[in-house]
Amino acid sequence: MKKFATEIKWGIIFTIASLLWMVLEKALGWHDTHIDKHAIYTNFFAIIAIAIFVFALLEKRNKDLGGKMTWVQGFVSGIIISVIVAILSPLSQYITHEYITPDYFQNAITHAVENGGMTQENAETYFNFSSYRILAAFGGLGSGIVTSAIVALFIRKK
């Protein structure tokens, strides 16, 4: 367990950052008043996500690996962080949709039907806790693996 302390720490930091981002999105009205802008502006979280992976892999390299890291070591560390984030994602989604923005799904359904060309049934199938829980886990895992591969290229040091 101690071998993965850095990855666990950064997986938790990533999850907290994503929850804080949800608070920001809600405060800016992207979950209600300005929901039409949500699909665009939510992508800015990628900058934060990449920064977290950079800081995590730098810490892994400098503190755990004595200042040296191969691409494989960085990539594996990033994958472990991604798995931790995926494991925490159901809890994160629960906190988001139960406490931070409980009306998001209804607002998204209404917007998608009125402006997005979705049928009520399709919107309800997509915008719900079960769907988002799965999307968060697998989407986060996939994007985390890709991010890890790229960041590890820049963080490696012999």
N, C-alpha and C. Protein backbone atom coordinates (compact mmCIF):
# COMPACT_ATOMS: atom_id res chain seq x y z
N MET A 1 0.83 -1.18 0.00
CA MET A 1 0.00 0.00 0.00
C MET A 1 0.87 1.25 0.00
N LYS A 2 1.95 1.22 0.80
CA LYS A 2 2.84 2.37 0.87
C LYS A 2 3.52 2.61 -0.47
N LYS A 3 3.70 1.56 -1.23
CA LYS A 3 4.31 1.66 -2.56
C LYS A 3 3.48 2.56 -3.48
N PHE A 4 2.18 2.61 -3.25
CA PHE A 4 1.28 3.40 -4.09
C PHE A 4 0.73 4.63 -3.38
N ALA A 5 1.38 5.07 -2.30
CA ALA A 5 0.89 6.21 -1.53
C ALA A 5 0.77 7.47 -2.38
N THR A 6 1.74 7.70 -3.24
CA THR A 6 1.70 8.90 -4.10
C THR A 6 0.51 8.83 -5.04
N GLU A 7 0.28 7.68 -5.64
CA GLU A 7 -0.84 7.53 -6.56
C GLU A 7 -2.18 7.68 -5.85
N ILE A 8 -2.29 7.11 -4.66
CA ILE A 8 -3.53 7.23 -3.89
C ILE A 8 -3.78 8.70 -3.54
N LYS A 9 -2.74 9.37 -3.07
CA LYS A 9 -2.84 10.79 -2.73
C LYS A 9 -3.34 11.60 -3.92
N TRP A 10 -2.74 11.41 -5.09
CA TRP A 10 -3.11 12.21 -6.26
C TRP A 10 -4.45 11.79 -6.84
N GLY A 11 -4.84 10.54 -6.67
CA GLY A 11 -6.19 10.12 -7.07
C GLY A 11 -7.24 10.83 -6.23
N ILE A 12 -6.96 10.98 -4.94
CA ILE A 12 -7.87 11.70 -4.05
C ILE A 12 -7.88 13.19 -4.39
N ILE A 13 -6.70 13.75 -4.65
CA ILE A 13 -6.62 15.16 -5.04
C ILE A 13 -7.42 15.40 -6.32
N PHE A 14 -7.29 14.50 -7.29
CA PHE A 14 -8.03 14.64 -8.54
C PHE A 14 -9.53 14.62 -8.28
N THR A 15 -9.97 13.73 -7.44
CA THR A 15 -11.40 13.61 -7.13
C THR A 15 -11.90 14.88 -6.43
N ILE A 16 -11.14 15.39 -5.49
CA ILE A 16 -11.53 16.63 -4.81
C ILE A 16 -11.56 17.78 -5.80
N ALA A 17 -10.57 17.85 -6.69
CA ALA A 17 -10.55 18.91 -7.71
C ALA A 17 -11.77 18.82 -8.62
N SER A 18 -12.18 17.61 -8.98
CA SER A 18 -13.36 17.47 -9.83
C SER A 18 -14.62 17.89 -9.10
N LEU A 19 -14.70 17.63 -7.81
CA LEU A 19 -15.85 18.08 -7.03
C LEU A 19 -15.87 19.61 -6.92
N LEU A 20 -14.71 20.21 -6.70
CA LEU A 20 -14.64 21.67 -6.65
C LEU A 20 -15.01 22.27 -8.01
N TRP A 21 -14.63 21.60 -9.08
CA TRP A 21 -15.00 22.06 -10.42
C TRP A 21 -16.53 22.02 -10.59
N MET A 22 -17.16 20.99 -10.05
CA MET A 22 -18.62 20.92 -10.12
C MET A 22 -19.26 22.07 -9.36
N VAL A 23 -18.69 22.43 -8.22
CA VAL A 23 -19.19 23.58 -7.46
C VAL A 23 -19.06 24.84 -8.31
N LEU A 24 -17.92 25.00 -8.99
CA LEU A 24 -17.71 26.15 -9.85
C LEU A 24 -18.71 26.17 -11.00
N GLU A 25 -18.89 25.02 -11.66
CA GLU A 25 -19.87 24.93 -12.76
C GLU A 25 -21.26 25.32 -12.27
N LYS A 26 -21.65 24.82 -11.13
CA LYS A 26 -22.96 25.13 -10.57
C LYS A 26 -23.07 26.62 -10.27
N ALA A 27 -22.02 27.18 -9.65
CA ALA A 27 -22.03 28.59 -9.29
C ALA A 27 -22.10 29.50 -10.52
N LEU A 28 -21.51 29.07 -11.62
CA LEU A 28 -21.52 29.85 -12.85
C LEU A 28 -22.78 29.64 -13.68
N GLY A 29 -23.66 28.76 -13.19
CA GLY A 29 -24.93 28.55 -13.86
C GLY A 29 -24.89 27.56 -15.00
N TRP A 30 -23.81 26.83 -15.14
CA TRP A 30 -23.68 25.88 -16.25
C TRP A 30 -24.56 24.64 -16.06
N HIS A 31 -25.18 24.51 -14.90
CA HIS A 31 -26.06 23.37 -14.64
C HIS A 31 -27.53 23.79 -14.65
N ASP A 32 -27.78 25.07 -14.88
CA ASP A 32 -29.17 25.53 -14.92
C ASP A 32 -29.32 26.71 -15.89
N THR A 33 -29.15 27.92 -15.45
CA THR A 33 -29.39 29.11 -16.27
C THR A 33 -28.62 29.08 -17.59
N HIS A 34 -27.36 28.69 -17.55
CA HIS A 34 -26.50 28.68 -18.74
C HIS A 34 -26.15 27.25 -19.16
N ILE A 35 -27.07 26.34 -19.00
CA ILE A 35 -26.79 24.94 -19.32
C ILE A 35 -26.45 24.75 -20.79
N ASP A 36 -26.87 25.68 -21.62
CA ASP A 36 -26.53 25.61 -23.05
C ASP A 36 -25.02 25.76 -23.28
N LYS A 37 -24.30 26.31 -22.33
CA LYS A 37 -22.85 26.49 -22.44
C LYS A 37 -22.06 25.36 -21.78
N HIS A 38 -22.75 24.51 -21.03
CA HIS A 38 -22.08 23.47 -20.25
C HIS A 38 -21.20 22.55 -21.10
N ALA A 39 -21.71 22.10 -22.21
CA ALA A 39 -20.96 21.14 -23.04
C ALA A 39 -19.63 21.71 -23.52
N ILE A 40 -19.56 23.01 -23.68
CA ILE A 40 -18.31 23.65 -24.12
C ILE A 40 -17.39 23.91 -22.92
N TYR A 41 -17.91 24.61 -21.93
CA TYR A 41 -17.06 25.08 -20.83
C TYR A 41 -16.58 23.98 -19.89
N THR A 42 -17.30 22.89 -19.80
CA THR A 42 -16.86 21.81 -18.91
C THR A 42 -15.52 21.22 -19.37
N ASN A 43 -15.20 21.38 -20.64
CA ASN A 43 -13.94 20.85 -21.19
C ASN A 43 -12.71 21.56 -20.64
N PHE A 44 -12.88 22.75 -20.07
CA PHE A 44 -11.75 23.46 -19.49
C PHE A 44 -11.17 22.72 -18.29
N PHE A 45 -11.92 21.80 -17.72
CA PHE A 45 -11.38 20.99 -16.62
C PHE A 45 -10.18 20.17 -17.08
N ALA A 46 -10.07 19.92 -18.37
CA ALA A 46 -8.93 19.15 -18.89
C ALA A 46 -7.61 19.81 -18.51
N ILE A 47 -7.56 21.12 -18.48
CA ILE A 47 -6.33 21.82 -18.11
C ILE A 47 -5.94 21.46 -16.67
N ILE A 48 -6.92 21.46 -15.79
CA ILE A 48 -6.67 21.10 -14.39
C ILE A 48 -6.27 19.63 -14.29
N ALA A 49 -6.96 18.78 -15.03
CA ALA A 49 -6.67 17.34 -14.99
C ALA A 49 -5.24 17.06 -15.44
N ILE A 50 -4.83 17.69 -16.52
CA ILE A 50 -3.46 17.48 -17.01
C ILE A 50 -2.46 18.00 -15.99
N ALA A 51 -2.72 19.16 -15.42
CA ALA A 51 -1.82 19.72 -14.41
C ALA A 51 -1.68 18.77 -13.22
N ILE A 52 -2.77 18.18 -12.79
CA ILE A 52 -2.71 17.24 -11.67
C ILE A 52 -1.84 16.04 -12.02
N PHE A 53 -1.98 15.52 -13.22
CA PHE A 53 -1.14 14.39 -13.63
C PHE A 53 0.33 14.79 -13.71
N VAL A 54 0.61 15.99 -14.19
CA VAL A 54 2.00 16.47 -14.24
C VAL A 54 2.57 16.53 -12.83
N PHE A 55 1.86 17.18 -11.90
CA PHE A 55 2.35 17.29 -10.52
C PHE A 55 2.50 15.91 -9.88
N ALA A 56 1.57 15.02 -10.14
CA ALA A 56 1.62 13.68 -9.56
C ALA A 56 2.84 12.91 -10.05
N LEU A 57 3.06 12.93 -11.35
CA LEU A 57 4.20 12.18 -11.90
C LEU A 57 5.52 12.82 -11.53
N LEU A 58 5.57 14.14 -11.42
CA LEU A 58 6.79 14.80 -10.93
C LEU A 58 7.10 14.38 -9.50
N GLU A 59 6.05 14.34 -8.67
CA GLU A 59 6.27 13.89 -7.29
C GLU A 59 6.73 12.44 -7.26
N LYS A 60 6.11 11.60 -8.05
CA LYS A 60 6.51 10.18 -8.10
C LYS A 60 7.98 10.07 -8.49
N ARG A 61 8.36 10.81 -9.53
CA ARG A 61 9.74 10.76 -10.00
C ARG A 61 10.71 11.28 -8.94
N ASN A 62 10.42 12.45 -8.39
CA ASN A 62 11.38 13.11 -7.51
C ASN A 62 11.42 12.56 -6.09
N LYS A 63 10.29 12.12 -5.57
CA LYS A 63 10.26 11.64 -4.18
C LYS A 63 10.37 10.12 -4.06
N ASP A 64 9.71 9.42 -4.96
CA ASP A 64 9.67 7.96 -4.82
C ASP A 64 10.74 7.23 -5.64
N LEU A 65 11.17 7.85 -6.71
CA LEU A 65 12.08 7.16 -7.63
C LEU A 65 13.46 7.82 -7.73
N GLY A 66 13.79 8.66 -6.78
CA GLY A 66 15.12 9.24 -6.72
C GLY A 66 15.48 10.16 -7.88
N GLY A 67 14.50 10.80 -8.46
CA GLY A 67 14.78 11.75 -9.54
C GLY A 67 14.86 11.14 -10.92
N LYS A 68 14.68 9.83 -11.01
CA LYS A 68 14.73 9.15 -12.31
C LYS A 68 13.42 8.42 -12.55
N MET A 69 12.95 8.48 -13.78
CA MET A 69 11.70 7.79 -14.12
C MET A 69 11.72 7.43 -15.60
N THR A 70 11.43 6.18 -15.88
CA THR A 70 11.28 5.78 -17.27
C THR A 70 9.85 6.10 -17.71
N TRP A 71 9.64 6.04 -19.02
CA TRP A 71 8.29 6.27 -19.52
C TRP A 71 7.33 5.23 -18.94
N VAL A 72 7.77 3.99 -18.88
CA VAL A 72 6.91 2.91 -18.37
C VAL A 72 6.54 3.17 -16.91
N GLN A 73 7.50 3.58 -16.10
CA GLN A 73 7.21 3.86 -14.69
C GLN A 73 6.18 4.99 -14.57
N GLY A 74 6.34 6.04 -15.36
CA GLY A 74 5.40 7.15 -15.34
C GLY A 74 4.03 6.73 -15.82
N PHE A 75 4.02 5.95 -16.88
CA PHE A 75 2.75 5.48 -17.45
C PHE A 75 2.01 4.60 -16.46
N VAL A 76 2.71 3.68 -15.84
CA VAL A 76 2.08 2.79 -14.85
C VAL A 76 1.56 3.59 -13.66
N SER A 77 2.35 4.54 -13.19
CA SER A 77 1.90 5.39 -12.08
C SER A 77 0.63 6.14 -12.46
N GLY A 78 0.59 6.68 -13.67
CA GLY A 78 -0.60 7.38 -14.15
C GLY A 78 -1.81 6.47 -14.27
N ILE A 79 -1.58 5.23 -14.70
CA ILE A 79 -2.68 4.27 -14.79
C ILE A 79 -3.24 3.98 -13.39
N ILE A 80 -2.36 3.84 -12.42
CA ILE A 80 -2.81 3.58 -11.05
C ILE A 80 -3.65 4.75 -10.54
N ILE A 81 -3.19 5.98 -10.80
CA ILE A 81 -3.97 7.16 -10.42
C ILE A 81 -5.34 7.11 -11.09
N SER A 82 -5.36 6.77 -12.37
CA SER A 82 -6.62 6.70 -13.13
C SER A 82 -7.56 5.64 -12.55
N VAL A 83 -7.03 4.52 -12.13
CA VAL A 83 -7.85 3.47 -11.54
C VAL A 83 -8.43 3.95 -10.20
N ILE A 84 -7.63 4.65 -9.41
CA ILE A 84 -8.12 5.18 -8.14
C ILE A 84 -9.24 6.18 -8.38
N VAL A 85 -9.04 7.06 -9.36
CA VAL A 85 -10.09 8.04 -9.70
C VAL A 85 -11.35 7.31 -10.16
N ALA A 86 -11.19 6.27 -10.96
CA ALA A 86 -12.35 5.50 -11.43
C ALA A 86 -13.07 4.83 -10.26
N ILE A 87 -12.31 4.32 -9.30
CA ILE A 87 -12.91 3.68 -8.12
C ILE A 87 -13.68 4.71 -7.29
N LEU A 88 -13.15 5.91 -7.19
CA LEU A 88 -13.79 6.97 -6.40
C LEU A 88 -14.92 7.66 -7.16
N SER A 89 -15.01 7.45 -8.46
CA SER A 89 -15.99 8.20 -9.26
C SER A 89 -17.46 7.96 -8.87
N PRO A 90 -17.88 6.76 -8.49
CA PRO A 90 -19.29 6.64 -8.06
C PRO A 90 -19.60 7.52 -6.85
N LEU A 91 -18.67 7.58 -5.89
CA LEU A 91 -18.87 8.45 -4.73
C LEU A 91 -18.88 9.92 -5.16
N SER A 92 -17.97 10.28 -6.03
CA SER A 92 -17.91 11.65 -6.54
C SER A 92 -19.19 12.02 -7.27
N GLN A 93 -19.69 11.13 -8.09
CA GLN A 93 -20.93 11.38 -8.82
C GLN A 93 -22.11 11.50 -7.85
N TYR A 94 -22.12 10.67 -6.82
CA TYR A 94 -23.19 10.74 -5.83
C TYR A 94 -23.17 12.11 -5.13
N ILE A 95 -22.00 12.55 -4.69
CA ILE A 95 -21.89 13.84 -4.01
C ILE A 95 -22.31 14.96 -4.97
N THR A 96 -21.86 14.87 -6.21
CA THR A 96 -22.19 15.90 -7.20
C THR A 96 -23.70 16.01 -7.40
N HIS A 97 -24.35 14.88 -7.65
CA HIS A 97 -25.75 14.93 -8.05
C HIS A 97 -26.73 14.89 -6.87
N GLU A 98 -26.25 14.55 -5.70
CA GLU A 98 -27.12 14.57 -4.52
C GLU A 98 -27.02 15.90 -3.76
N TYR A 99 -25.82 16.47 -3.72
CA TYR A 99 -25.60 17.65 -2.89
C TYR A 99 -25.23 18.92 -3.66
N ILE A 100 -24.36 18.81 -4.64
CA ILE A 100 -23.88 20.01 -5.34
C ILE A 100 -24.91 20.51 -6.35
N THR A 101 -25.42 19.61 -7.15
CA THR A 101 -26.33 20.03 -8.22
C THR A 101 -27.44 19.00 -8.43
N PRO A 102 -28.35 18.90 -7.48
CA PRO A 102 -29.38 17.86 -7.55
C PRO A 102 -30.37 18.02 -8.71
N ASP A 103 -30.48 19.21 -9.28
CA ASP A 103 -31.40 19.42 -10.39
C ASP A 103 -30.75 19.28 -11.76
N TYR A 104 -29.48 18.93 -11.79
CA TYR A 104 -28.76 18.89 -13.07
C TYR A 104 -29.42 17.97 -14.09
N PHE A 105 -29.75 16.75 -13.70
CA PHE A 105 -30.30 15.81 -14.67
C PHE A 105 -31.61 16.31 -15.27
N GLN A 106 -32.47 16.83 -14.45
CA GLN A 106 -33.74 17.35 -14.97
C GLN A 106 -33.49 18.54 -15.89
N ASN A 107 -32.58 19.42 -15.51
CA ASN A 107 -32.24 20.58 -16.35
C ASN A 107 -31.62 20.14 -17.68
N ALA A 108 -30.76 19.15 -17.62
CA ALA A 108 -30.11 18.65 -18.84
C ALA A 108 -31.12 17.97 -19.75
N ILE A 109 -32.02 17.22 -19.17
CA ILE A 109 -33.07 16.55 -19.96
C ILE A 109 -33.94 17.60 -20.65
N THR A 110 -34.38 18.58 -19.90
CA THR A 110 -35.23 19.64 -20.46
C THR A 110 -34.50 20.36 -21.59
N HIS A 111 -33.25 20.72 -21.36
CA HIS A 111 -32.47 21.42 -22.39
C HIS A 111 -32.28 20.55 -23.63
N ALA A 112 -31.93 19.28 -23.43
CA ALA A 112 -31.68 18.38 -24.56
C ALA A 112 -32.93 18.18 -25.40
N VAL A 113 -34.07 18.09 -24.76
CA VAL A 113 -35.33 17.89 -25.50
C VAL A 113 -35.73 19.18 -26.22
N GLU A 114 -35.62 20.31 -25.54
CA GLU A 114 -36.06 21.58 -26.13
C GLU A 114 -35.09 22.14 -27.15
N ASN A 115 -33.79 21.91 -26.97
CA ASN A 115 -32.80 22.55 -27.82
C ASN A 115 -31.80 21.60 -28.48
N GLY A 116 -31.71 20.39 -27.98
CA GLY A 116 -30.67 19.49 -28.46
C GLY A 116 -31.14 18.42 -29.41
N GLY A 117 -32.43 18.42 -29.71
CA GLY A 117 -32.94 17.45 -30.66
C GLY A 117 -33.07 16.03 -30.13
N MET A 118 -33.01 15.85 -28.83
CA MET A 118 -33.19 14.51 -28.28
C MET A 118 -34.65 14.30 -27.93
N THR A 119 -35.06 13.05 -28.01
CA THR A 119 -36.40 12.73 -27.53
C THR A 119 -36.36 12.68 -26.01
N GLN A 120 -37.50 12.79 -25.39
CA GLN A 120 -37.59 12.72 -23.93
C GLN A 120 -36.99 11.40 -23.44
N GLU A 121 -37.32 10.31 -24.11
CA GLU A 121 -36.84 8.99 -23.70
C GLU A 121 -35.33 8.89 -23.81
N ASN A 122 -34.76 9.36 -24.93
CA ASN A 122 -33.30 9.31 -25.10
C ASN A 122 -32.60 10.18 -24.07
N ALA A 123 -33.15 11.36 -23.82
CA ALA A 123 -32.55 12.26 -22.83
C ALA A 123 -32.58 11.63 -21.44
N GLU A 124 -33.69 11.02 -21.08
CA GLU A 124 -33.80 10.38 -19.76
C GLU A 124 -32.86 9.18 -19.64
N THR A 125 -32.64 8.49 -20.74
CA THR A 125 -31.72 7.35 -20.74
C THR A 125 -30.27 7.81 -20.54
N TYR A 126 -29.93 8.96 -21.12
CA TYR A 126 -28.55 9.46 -21.05
C TYR A 126 -28.29 10.24 -19.76
N PHE A 127 -29.19 11.14 -19.39
CA PHE A 127 -28.97 12.02 -18.25
C PHE A 127 -29.59 11.44 -16.98
N ASN A 128 -28.86 10.51 -16.35
CA ASN A 128 -29.29 9.93 -15.08
C ASN A 128 -28.07 9.44 -14.32
N PHE A 129 -28.24 9.17 -13.06
CA PHE A 129 -27.12 8.79 -12.20
C PHE A 129 -26.42 7.53 -12.68
N SER A 130 -27.17 6.52 -13.07
CA SER A 130 -26.56 5.27 -13.51
C SER A 130 -25.68 5.48 -14.73
N SER A 131 -26.19 6.22 -15.68
CA SER A 131 -25.43 6.49 -16.89
C SER A 131 -24.17 7.30 -16.60
N TYR A 132 -24.30 8.34 -15.81
CA TYR A 132 -23.15 9.19 -15.50
C TYR A 132 -22.13 8.47 -14.64
N ARG A 133 -22.58 7.60 -13.77
CA ARG A 133 -21.66 6.82 -12.94
C ARG A 133 -20.75 5.96 -13.83
N ILE A 134 -21.33 5.34 -14.82
CA ILE A 134 -20.57 4.50 -15.75
C ILE A 134 -19.68 5.36 -16.64
N LEU A 135 -20.24 6.45 -17.18
CA LEU A 135 -19.46 7.35 -18.03
C LEU A 135 -18.27 7.93 -17.27
N ALA A 136 -18.47 8.32 -16.03
CA ALA A 136 -17.39 8.89 -15.23
C ALA A 136 -16.28 7.88 -14.99
N ALA A 137 -16.66 6.67 -14.65
CA ALA A 137 -15.66 5.65 -14.36
C ALA A 137 -14.85 5.28 -15.60
N PHE A 138 -15.53 4.91 -16.66
CA PHE A 138 -14.82 4.46 -17.86
C PHE A 138 -14.23 5.60 -18.67
N GLY A 139 -14.94 6.73 -18.73
CA GLY A 139 -14.42 7.89 -19.43
C GLY A 139 -13.18 8.43 -18.73
N GLY A 140 -13.26 8.50 -17.41
CA GLY A 140 -12.12 8.96 -16.62
C GLY A 140 -10.93 8.02 -16.74
N LEU A 141 -11.21 6.73 -16.73
CA LEU A 141 -10.14 5.75 -16.87
C LEU A 141 -9.46 5.88 -18.23
N GLY A 142 -10.25 5.98 -19.28
CA GLY A 142 -9.70 6.10 -20.62
C GLY A 142 -8.90 7.37 -20.82
N SER A 143 -9.46 8.50 -20.41
CA SER A 143 -8.74 9.76 -20.59
C SER A 143 -7.53 9.82 -19.66
N GLY A 144 -7.62 9.21 -18.50
CA GLY A 144 -6.47 9.16 -17.59
C GLY A 144 -5.33 8.35 -18.16
N ILE A 145 -5.63 7.26 -18.83
CA ILE A 145 -4.58 6.43 -19.44
C ILE A 145 -3.90 7.20 -20.57
N VAL A 146 -4.68 7.86 -21.41
CA VAL A 146 -4.10 8.64 -22.51
C VAL A 146 -3.26 9.79 -21.95
N THR A 147 -3.79 10.49 -20.96
CA THR A 147 -3.05 11.59 -20.33
C THR A 147 -1.76 11.07 -19.72
N SER A 148 -1.82 9.93 -19.06
CA SER A 148 -0.63 9.33 -18.44
C SER A 148 0.44 9.03 -19.47
N ALA A 149 0.04 8.49 -20.59
CA ALA A 149 0.99 8.14 -21.64
C ALA A 149 1.72 9.39 -22.15
N ILE A 150 0.97 10.46 -22.34
CA ILE A 150 1.56 11.69 -22.87
C ILE A 150 2.41 12.40 -21.82
N VAL A 151 1.88 12.55 -20.63
CA VAL A 151 2.62 13.25 -19.57
C VAL A 151 3.90 12.49 -19.23
N ALA A 152 3.84 11.18 -19.21
CA ALA A 152 5.03 10.38 -18.90
C ALA A 152 6.15 10.62 -19.90
N LEU A 153 5.82 10.95 -21.14
CA LEU A 153 6.84 11.27 -22.14
C LEU A 153 7.64 12.50 -21.73
N PHE A 154 6.98 13.46 -21.13
CA PHE A 154 7.63 14.71 -20.75
C PHE A 154 8.28 14.66 -19.37
N ILE A 155 7.82 13.76 -18.53
CA ILE A 155 8.30 13.67 -17.15
C ILE A 155 9.48 12.69 -17.01
N ARG A 156 9.61 11.81 -17.95
CA ARG A 156 10.68 10.79 -17.83
C ARG A 156 12.05 11.46 -17.73
N LYS A 157 12.93 10.81 -16.99
CA LYS A 157 14.26 11.37 -16.78
C LYS A 157 15.20 10.24 -16.41
N LYS A 158 16.31 10.19 -17.08
CA LYS A 158 17.28 9.12 -16.83
C LYS A 158 18.36 9.55 -15.86
